[in-house]
């Protein structure tokens, strides 16, 4: 869509702060008052603010950055009526609909070639003029604080969401001389344990916990997997923490770092919201939802070759993080500013537009479950309710980016996320 001013045959609707509605260019509409004419202005582009000055004692000058300013809008047209009474009623409605002093009036229309209805939010800037005799002309001077025209409806998509599940089945793999006892105790966090001890090699058999019964919404991609293993032991350490995507062996990256098992029941976390365990392209929605998706765990003696230690596992739980597969598409002709809503918990968050190579980094958020954060890229605000968390913005490397015209690839990278974490982005197609 190109903004070319008032278009003949296009219906324009002006709604005043008090709810009064007037319609132009559509005589079939019950709120019709008349027609706009080509002398109307302000629907092309906004004014420009310049940062420049002439050079002293030499030709030329210096230019800094230029920006769009407020958008002056003047609607001009003719009141169409069949009688003086009807004319006066329509003039009165025009006055009321344009009486936007402390609240906005809203002008809506659907330009030729636009994907949807667009709008401008207006304030009365000067007095209105109603001129001529029986057939009245009008001039309505407004100003719009926003430099750009935006679609009325918002588009929303999920950048990060979580689903937590407890396994429904457990089995032992590669059993040796010492096997796991009470395997099903590894399914519930109830201080009842599946237990084993090291083999002569110092290693335990694998315990495989799966059948999580994840049921994700349609059209999503997997962003990360997090495993929570509640365990304790004596003279033992982690040997292997891996995912399994079929009846075969564990695959992908081993997340174990050989940490010693604590003497008291403790939950250890492996992976994260943006960790695909080396299985990018393999961890699909179908794989995650499969009964074969599982977490494999194995321990070994602290001193290699000594089979004297014991291991107790209370529960192995999983959280899967996912996002909408559909990429955001700005069908406008200039950058669209998103609004991002974050539901906790979350500690740090990087919002990256991979299409433009720009990102916004927020650290030290400390957002808890049940708390909500709103990030407004247009107004440069970060708020938890009415409390500003603007100090969380890491200015080095951060940019208040926009969605470029066309399709964008946007990613949310988080730490400290949990089962209730949700990051959504809304935006409106934006036009010059």
Protein backbone atom coordinates (compact mmCIF):
# COMPACT_ATOMS: atom_id res chain seq x y z
CA UNK A 1 0.00 0.00 0.00
CA UNK A 2 1.18 3.52 -0.81
CA UNK A 3 -0.39 6.42 1.06
CA UNK A 4 -1.65 8.67 -1.74
CA UNK A 5 -4.11 10.82 0.19
CA UNK A 6 -7.88 10.52 0.05
CA UNK A 7 -9.10 7.84 -2.36
CA UNK A 8 -12.39 8.16 -4.22
CA UNK A 9 -14.78 5.34 -3.40
CA UNK A 10 -13.01 4.48 -0.14
CA UNK A 11 -15.09 4.65 3.04
CA UNK A 12 -13.62 6.70 5.90
CA UNK A 13 -14.99 6.48 9.43
CA UNK A 14 -14.26 9.03 12.17
CA UNK A 15 -15.15 8.08 15.74
CA UNK A 16 -15.02 10.80 18.39
CA UNK A 17 -14.04 10.37 22.04
CA UNK A 18 -17.72 10.43 23.05
CA UNK A 19 -18.53 7.59 20.64
CA UNK A 20 -20.07 9.75 17.91
CA UNK A 21 -19.44 8.13 14.51
CA UNK A 22 -19.47 9.86 11.12
CA UNK A 23 -18.81 8.16 7.78
CA UNK A 24 -17.54 9.78 4.60
CA UNK A 25 -17.82 8.58 0.97
CA UNK A 26 -20.44 5.87 1.61
CA UNK A 27 -24.01 7.12 1.29
CA UNK A 28 -25.39 3.68 2.21
CA UNK A 29 -23.93 3.87 5.70
CA UNK A 30 -26.37 5.07 8.42
CA UNK A 31 -23.66 7.41 9.77
CA UNK A 32 -22.98 9.01 6.37
CA UNK A 33 -22.51 12.80 6.49
CA UNK A 34 -20.79 13.68 3.21
CA UNK A 35 -17.76 13.28 0.99
CA UNK A 36 -14.07 14.00 1.52
CA UNK A 37 -12.33 15.88 -1.25
CA UNK A 38 -8.75 15.71 -2.63
CA UNK A 39 -7.73 18.85 -0.72
CA UNK A 40 -7.60 16.70 2.41
CA UNK A 41 -4.01 16.16 3.53
CA UNK A 42 -1.87 14.26 6.01
CA UNK A 43 -2.53 10.74 4.76
CA UNK A 44 0.67 10.74 2.68
CA UNK A 45 3.56 10.96 5.17
CA UNK A 46 4.33 12.71 8.43
CA UNK A 47 6.35 15.89 8.84
CA UNK A 48 10.12 15.58 9.18
CA UNK A 49 12.26 16.83 12.07
CA UNK A 50 15.73 17.77 10.93
CA UNK A 51 18.99 18.09 12.81
CA UNK A 52 21.06 20.40 10.63
CA UNK A 53 22.71 23.78 10.50
CA UNK A 54 24.61 25.96 8.05
CA UNK A 55 28.38 26.03 8.20
CA UNK A 56 29.97 29.24 9.44
CA UNK A 57 32.02 31.18 6.88
CA UNK A 58 31.90 28.43 4.26
CA UNK A 59 29.49 26.86 1.81
CA UNK A 60 27.17 24.07 2.85
CA UNK A 61 26.34 22.82 6.29
CA UNK A 62 26.11 19.82 8.58
CA UNK A 63 23.32 17.25 8.74
CA UNK A 64 22.63 14.99 11.71
CA UNK A 65 19.90 12.38 11.99
CA UNK A 66 16.49 13.23 10.60
CA UNK A 67 13.27 11.80 12.06
CA UNK A 68 9.58 11.81 11.27
CA UNK A 69 7.57 14.12 13.50
CA UNK A 70 3.89 14.37 14.27
CA UNK A 71 1.47 13.92 11.39
CA UNK A 72 -0.81 16.93 10.66
CA UNK A 73 -4.09 15.76 9.13
CA UNK A 74 -6.66 18.05 7.55
CA UNK A 75 -9.94 16.50 6.41
CA UNK A 76 -11.89 18.62 3.93
CA UNK A 77 -15.13 17.82 2.25
CA UNK A 78 -18.79 18.57 1.63
CA UNK A 79 -21.83 17.80 3.77
CA UNK A 80 -24.52 16.02 1.75
CA UNK A 81 -28.12 16.32 2.99
CA UNK A 82 -31.70 16.33 1.68
CA UNK A 83 -32.95 19.08 4.00
CA UNK A 84 -31.74 21.82 6.31
CA UNK A 85 -32.70 19.69 9.29
CA UNK A 86 -30.68 16.73 8.06
CA UNK A 87 -27.81 19.02 7.13
CA UNK A 88 -27.76 20.56 10.60
CA UNK A 89 -27.85 17.12 12.23
CA UNK A 90 -24.91 15.98 10.14
CA UNK A 91 -22.92 19.14 10.83
CA UNK A 92 -23.57 18.58 14.54
CA UNK A 93 -22.29 15.00 14.32
CA UNK A 94 -19.15 16.18 12.51
CA UNK A 95 -18.49 18.68 15.31
CA UNK A 96 -18.95 16.05 18.03
CA UNK A 97 -16.89 13.38 16.27
CA UNK A 98 -14.03 15.83 15.75
CA UNK A 99 -14.13 17.19 19.32
CA UNK A 100 -10.94 15.38 20.32
CA UNK A 101 -9.14 17.62 22.80
CA UNK A 102 -8.10 15.40 25.71
CA UNK A 103 -8.82 12.04 24.10
CA UNK A 104 -8.23 10.69 20.61
CA UNK A 105 -10.66 10.54 17.75
CA UNK A 106 -9.99 7.57 15.46
CA UNK A 107 -10.01 7.72 11.66
CA UNK A 108 -10.33 4.32 9.96
CA UNK A 109 -10.31 3.27 6.32
CA UNK A 110 -9.10 0.46 4.06
CA UNK A 111 -6.79 1.80 1.37
CA UNK A 112 -6.50 0.18 -2.00
CA UNK A 113 -3.99 -2.68 -1.75
CA UNK A 114 -3.78 -2.69 2.04
CA UNK A 115 -4.03 -6.09 3.77
CA UNK A 116 -6.53 -4.79 6.32
CA UNK A 117 -8.26 -1.72 7.72
CA UNK A 118 -5.89 0.98 8.99
CA UNK A 119 -6.25 3.84 11.44
CA UNK A 120 -4.88 7.13 12.73
CA UNK A 121 -5.50 8.47 16.24
CA UNK A 122 -6.17 12.19 16.05
CA UNK A 123 -6.46 15.27 18.26
CA UNK A 124 -8.15 18.52 17.23
CA UNK A 125 -5.40 21.04 16.51
CA UNK A 126 -7.33 24.17 15.48
CA UNK A 127 -10.93 25.31 15.15
CA UNK A 128 -13.03 23.57 12.53
CA UNK A 129 -14.51 25.54 9.63
CA UNK A 130 -18.04 25.05 8.27
CA UNK A 131 -18.56 27.29 5.22
CA UNK A 132 -20.90 28.12 2.30
CA UNK A 133 -24.69 28.16 2.09
CA UNK A 134 -27.15 25.27 1.99
CA UNK A 135 -24.48 22.85 0.81
CA UNK A 136 -21.85 23.16 3.50
CA UNK A 137 -18.14 22.54 3.16
CA UNK A 138 -16.06 21.57 6.18
CA UNK A 139 -12.41 21.62 7.21
CA UNK A 140 -11.28 19.55 10.21
CA UNK A 141 -7.67 20.22 11.35
CA UNK A 142 -6.11 17.39 13.38
CA UNK A 143 -2.70 16.21 14.48
CA UNK A 144 -1.61 12.60 15.02
CA UNK A 145 1.13 11.90 17.60
CA UNK A 146 2.16 8.75 15.69
CA UNK A 147 4.19 9.27 12.54
CA UNK A 148 2.90 6.09 10.92
CA UNK A 149 -0.37 4.55 9.75
CA UNK A 150 -1.08 1.15 11.33
CA UNK A 151 -3.57 -1.62 10.77
CA UNK A 152 -6.43 -1.68 13.27
CA UNK A 153 -6.02 -5.35 14.18
CA UNK A 154 -2.94 -6.74 15.91
CA UNK A 155 -1.05 -9.88 14.98
CA UNK A 156 0.17 -12.02 17.88
CA UNK A 157 2.53 -14.98 18.01
CA UNK A 158 4.32 -16.98 20.69
CA UNK A 159 8.11 -16.64 20.88
CA UNK A 160 8.58 -19.01 23.83
CA UNK A 161 6.24 -21.22 25.82
CA UNK A 162 6.71 -24.14 28.20
CA UNK A 163 5.01 -27.42 29.01
CA UNK A 164 6.03 -29.50 32.02
CA UNK A 165 5.37 -33.24 32.24
CA UNK A 166 6.05 -36.15 34.58
CA UNK A 167 6.96 -39.47 32.96
CA UNK A 168 4.53 -42.38 32.91
CA UNK A 169 6.94 -45.24 32.31
CA UNK A 170 10.42 -46.29 33.34
CA UNK A 171 12.73 -49.12 32.35
CA UNK A 172 16.29 -50.23 32.85
CA UNK A 173 18.83 -50.44 30.04
CA UNK A 174 22.13 -52.31 29.93
CA UNK A 175 21.52 -54.14 33.23
CA UNK A 176 24.63 -55.53 34.87
CA UNK A 177 25.44 -57.28 38.11
CA UNK A 178 23.64 -54.65 40.18
CA UNK A 179 20.19 -53.69 38.85
CA UNK A 180 17.80 -50.94 39.78
CA UNK A 181 15.21 -51.73 42.47
CA UNK A 182 11.71 -50.25 42.68
CA UNK A 183 11.98 -48.62 39.25
CA UNK A 184 8.51 -47.04 39.30
CA UNK A 185 9.54 -44.94 42.32
CA UNK A 186 11.41 -42.74 39.81
CA UNK A 187 8.09 -41.44 38.45
CA UNK A 188 6.89 -39.39 41.40
CA UNK A 189 8.51 -36.82 43.72
CA UNK A 190 7.46 -38.53 46.95
CA UNK A 191 10.73 -39.48 48.70
CA UNK A 192 10.33 -43.05 47.47
CA UNK A 193 13.37 -44.00 45.40
CA UNK A 194 14.49 -46.21 42.59
CA UNK A 195 17.89 -47.42 43.78
CA UNK A 196 20.98 -49.20 42.52
CA UNK A 197 24.68 -49.49 43.18
CA UNK A 198 27.71 -49.44 40.92
CA UNK A 199 28.76 -52.49 38.97
CA UNK A 200 32.24 -53.90 39.20
CA UNK A 201 33.20 -51.35 36.52
CA UNK A 202 32.00 -48.60 38.80
CA UNK A 203 29.08 -47.75 36.48
CA UNK A 204 25.35 -48.16 37.03
CA UNK A 205 22.95 -49.42 34.36
CA UNK A 206 20.94 -46.75 32.48
CA UNK A 207 17.54 -45.78 33.84
CA UNK A 208 15.26 -44.69 31.01
CA UNK A 209 12.24 -42.52 31.93
CA UNK A 210 9.73 -41.69 29.20
CA UNK A 211 6.18 -41.69 27.89
CA UNK A 212 5.73 -38.07 28.96
CA UNK A 213 2.59 -37.60 26.87
CA UNK A 214 3.43 -34.08 25.72
CA UNK A 215 0.59 -32.56 23.70
CA UNK A 216 1.76 -29.34 22.05
CA UNK A 217 -0.35 -26.93 20.01
CA UNK A 218 -0.23 -27.24 16.23
CA UNK A 219 2.28 -25.32 14.14
CA UNK A 220 5.11 -25.07 16.67
CA UNK A 221 8.85 -25.67 16.66
CA UNK A 222 10.87 -27.02 19.59
CA UNK A 223 13.20 -24.45 21.18
CA UNK A 224 14.69 -26.43 24.08
CA UNK A 225 14.39 -29.25 26.58
CA UNK A 226 15.10 -29.13 30.31
CA UNK A 227 15.49 -32.24 32.47
CA UNK A 228 15.01 -32.20 36.27
CA UNK A 229 16.54 -35.19 38.03
CA UNK A 230 15.78 -35.48 41.75
CA UNK A 231 18.47 -37.73 43.23
CA UNK A 232 21.00 -38.48 45.95
CA UNK A 233 23.83 -40.94 46.49
CA UNK A 234 27.01 -41.94 48.24
CA UNK A 235 30.46 -42.15 46.63
CA UNK A 236 28.85 -41.65 43.20
CA UNK A 237 28.77 -39.01 40.46
CA UNK A 238 26.78 -38.37 37.28
CA UNK A 239 28.07 -40.27 34.28
CA UNK A 240 25.53 -39.59 31.54
CA UNK A 241 22.36 -37.50 31.03
CA UNK A 242 21.03 -37.84 27.49
CA UNK A 243 17.82 -37.83 25.51
CA UNK A 244 16.36 -40.76 23.65
CA UNK A 245 14.08 -40.33 20.65
CA UNK A 246 13.43 -43.98 19.77
CA UNK A 247 13.71 -47.46 21.24
CA UNK A 248 17.43 -47.35 20.51
CA UNK A 249 20.32 -45.80 22.39
CA UNK A 250 20.52 -42.26 23.77
CA UNK A 251 21.42 -39.60 21.21
CA UNK A 252 22.68 -36.04 21.06
CA UNK A 253 24.82 -34.19 23.57
CA UNK A 254 25.58 -35.69 26.95
CA UNK A 255 24.69 -33.03 29.54
CA UNK A 256 26.52 -34.64 32.43
CA UNK A 257 29.50 -32.76 33.83
CA UNK A 258 30.41 -35.51 36.30
CA UNK A 259 28.95 -33.76 39.34
CA UNK A 260 29.13 -35.71 42.59
CA UNK A 261 25.77 -36.93 43.88
CA UNK A 262 24.67 -35.07 47.02
CA UNK A 263 23.97 -36.96 50.22
CA UNK A 264 20.52 -35.33 50.53
CA UNK A 265 17.67 -35.32 48.02
CA UNK A 266 18.45 -32.56 45.46
CA UNK A 267 17.03 -31.58 42.05
CA UNK A 268 19.69 -31.14 39.35
CA UNK A 269 18.79 -29.30 36.13
CA UNK A 270 20.15 -30.20 32.70
CA UNK A 271 19.55 -28.38 29.40
CA UNK A 272 17.46 -25.24 29.17
CA UNK A 273 14.88 -23.12 27.30
CA UNK A 274 17.10 -22.74 24.22
CA UNK A 275 19.06 -26.00 24.46
CA UNK A 276 18.31 -28.67 21.84
CA UNK A 277 20.90 -31.14 23.22
CA UNK A 278 22.71 -31.25 19.88
CA UNK A 279 19.55 -32.48 18.14
CA UNK A 280 18.56 -29.44 16.08
CA UNK A 281 16.35 -30.64 13.24
CA UNK A 282 15.66 -33.91 15.07
CA UNK A 283 13.63 -32.70 18.05
CA UNK A 284 10.36 -32.10 16.25
CA UNK A 285 6.87 -31.83 17.69
CA UNK A 286 6.18 -35.42 16.58
CA UNK A 287 9.30 -36.71 18.34
CA UNK A 288 8.55 -34.86 21.58
CA UNK A 289 4.97 -36.19 21.61
CA UNK A 290 6.08 -39.75 20.89
CA UNK A 291 5.98 -42.36 23.66
CA UNK A 292 9.61 -43.08 22.71
CA UNK A 293 10.84 -39.67 23.84
CA UNK A 294 12.77 -40.31 27.05
CA UNK A 295 15.55 -39.15 29.37
CA UNK A 296 18.38 -41.58 30.09
CA UNK A 297 20.43 -41.31 33.28
CA UNK A 298 23.52 -43.19 34.45
CA UNK A 299 25.99 -42.74 37.32
CA UNK A 300 29.37 -44.10 38.24
CA UNK A 301 31.57 -44.47 41.29
CA UNK A 302 33.49 -41.40 42.35
CA UNK A 303 36.63 -43.49 42.18
CA UNK A 304 36.68 -45.36 38.87
CA UNK A 305 36.43 -49.13 39.19
CA UNK A 306 35.06 -49.10 42.73
CA UNK A 307 31.57 -50.55 42.94
CA UNK A 308 30.76 -49.49 46.47
CA UNK A 309 28.50 -46.46 45.93
CA UNK A 310 24.70 -46.23 45.81
CA UNK A 311 22.30 -44.11 43.76
CA UNK A 312 18.71 -43.13 44.58
CA UNK A 313 16.43 -41.42 42.03
CA UNK A 314 13.13 -39.92 43.17
CA UNK A 315 11.89 -38.39 39.89
CA UNK A 316 12.98 -37.42 36.37
CA UNK A 317 10.76 -34.63 35.04
CA UNK A 318 10.94 -32.72 31.74
CA UNK A 319 9.99 -29.26 30.47
CA UNK A 320 9.75 -28.68 26.73
CA UNK A 321 10.02 -25.11 25.40
CA UNK A 322 8.48 -24.28 22.03
CA UNK A 323 7.45 -21.37 19.80
CA UNK A 324 5.13 -20.69 16.89
CA UNK A 325 6.62 -21.98 13.66
CA UNK A 326 5.04 -19.17 11.64
CA UNK A 327 7.35 -16.19 11.21
CA UNK A 328 6.01 -12.67 11.86
CA UNK A 329 5.22 -10.85 8.62
CA UNK A 330 4.92 -7.07 8.50
CA UNK A 331 2.79 -6.37 5.44
CA UNK A 332 3.45 -2.65 5.71
CA UNK A 333 6.14 -0.59 3.98
CA UNK A 334 8.09 0.58 7.04
CA UNK A 335 9.33 -0.89 10.32
CA UNK A 336 6.68 -2.10 12.80
CA UNK A 337 7.35 -1.73 16.54
CA UNK A 338 6.44 -4.87 18.52
CA UNK A 339 5.10 -5.15 22.04
CA UNK A 340 6.42 -8.20 23.91
CA UNK A 341 4.62 -9.66 26.93
CA UNK A 342 6.55 -11.93 29.29
CA UNK A 343 5.00 -14.19 31.91
CA UNK A 344 7.41 -15.41 34.58
CA UNK A 345 9.51 -16.97 35.78
CA UNK A 346 12.42 -15.59 33.79
CA UNK A 347 15.83 -14.16 34.71
CA UNK A 348 17.36 -12.87 31.49
CA UNK A 349 15.84 -12.40 28.06
CA UNK A 350 17.31 -11.59 24.66
CA UNK A 351 14.84 -10.66 21.93
CA UNK A 352 16.57 -11.07 18.61
CA UNK A 353 15.43 -10.13 15.11
CA UNK A 354 17.68 -12.45 13.12
CA UNK A 355 16.49 -10.89 9.86
CA UNK A 356 17.94 -7.45 10.70
CA UNK A 357 20.69 -8.72 13.01
CA UNK A 358 19.54 -6.56 15.92
CA UNK A 359 18.65 -7.58 19.47
CA UNK A 360 17.40 -6.23 22.79
CA UNK A 361 19.03 -7.70 25.90
CA UNK A 362 17.46 -7.61 29.37
CA UNK A 363 19.29 -8.95 32.42
CA UNK A 364 18.49 -9.32 36.12
CA UNK A 365 14.74 -9.36 35.56
CA UNK A 366 13.97 -11.66 38.49
CA UNK A 367 10.44 -12.13 37.15
CA UNK A 368 8.58 -14.69 39.25
CA UNK A 369 5.80 -17.09 38.28
CA UNK A 370 2.55 -15.14 38.17
CA UNK A 371 4.29 -11.84 37.31
CA UNK A 372 4.03 -10.17 33.91
CA UNK A 373 6.43 -7.88 32.08
CA UNK A 374 5.53 -5.65 29.11
CA UNK A 375 8.24 -4.45 26.71
CA UNK A 376 7.13 -1.65 24.35
CA UNK A 377 9.65 -1.17 21.52
CA UNK A 378 7.98 2.01 20.26
CA UNK A 379 7.91 3.87 23.57
CA UNK A 380 11.12 2.26 24.91
CA UNK A 381 9.54 1.04 28.15
CA UNK A 382 9.96 -2.10 30.25
CA UNK A 383 7.26 -2.40 32.91
CA UNK A 384 6.14 -4.94 35.49
CA UNK A 385 2.64 -3.61 36.09
CA UNK A 386 3.24 0.10 36.73
CA UNK A 387 6.83 -0.44 37.93
CA UNK A 388 9.57 0.44 35.45
CA UNK A 389 12.31 -2.14 34.93
CA UNK A 390 14.10 -0.05 32.31
CA UNK A 391 17.35 -0.57 34.23
CA UNK A 392 17.24 -4.22 33.09
CA UNK A 393 18.13 -3.16 29.52
CA UNK A 394 21.75 -3.98 28.72
CA UNK A 395 22.58 -0.96 26.60
CA UNK A 396 25.81 -2.34 25.15
CA UNK A 397 24.66 -4.27 22.09
CA UNK A 398 20.95 -3.53 22.54
CA UNK A 399 18.69 -1.85 19.98
CA UNK A 400 14.98 -1.04 20.08
CA UNK A 401 14.50 -2.82 16.76
CA UNK A 402 11.52 -2.99 14.42
CA UNK A 403 10.03 -5.69 12.22
CA UNK A 404 11.22 -4.98 8.70
CA UNK A 405 8.68 -5.02 5.87
CA UNK A 406 8.07 -8.62 4.89
CA UNK A 407 8.86 -11.80 6.80
CA UNK A 408 11.10 -11.64 9.88
CA UNK A 409 12.79 -14.36 11.93
CA UNK A 410 12.46 -13.49 15.62
CA UNK A 411 13.80 -15.48 18.57
CA UNK A 412 13.49 -15.25 22.35
CA UNK A 413 16.52 -16.54 24.28
CA UNK A 414 15.91 -16.96 28.00
CA UNK A 415 17.42 -18.15 31.24
CA UNK A 416 15.63 -18.86 34.48
CA UNK A 417 12.48 -19.95 32.63
CA UNK A 418 10.03 -22.48 34.02
CA UNK A 419 6.79 -24.32 33.44
CA UNK A 420 4.67 -21.14 33.40
CA UNK A 421 7.01 -19.03 31.24
CA UNK A 422 5.45 -17.50 28.16
CA UNK A 423 6.81 -14.85 25.78
CA UNK A 424 4.41 -13.43 23.19
CA UNK A 425 4.84 -10.66 20.62
CA UNK A 426 2.12 -8.48 19.11
CA UNK A 427 2.47 -5.94 16.31
CA UNK A 428 0.50 -4.09 13.65
CA UNK A 429 1.43 -3.76 9.99
CA UNK A 430 2.86 -0.26 9.60
CA UNK A 431 2.86 2.17 6.67
CA UNK A 432 4.52 5.48 5.93
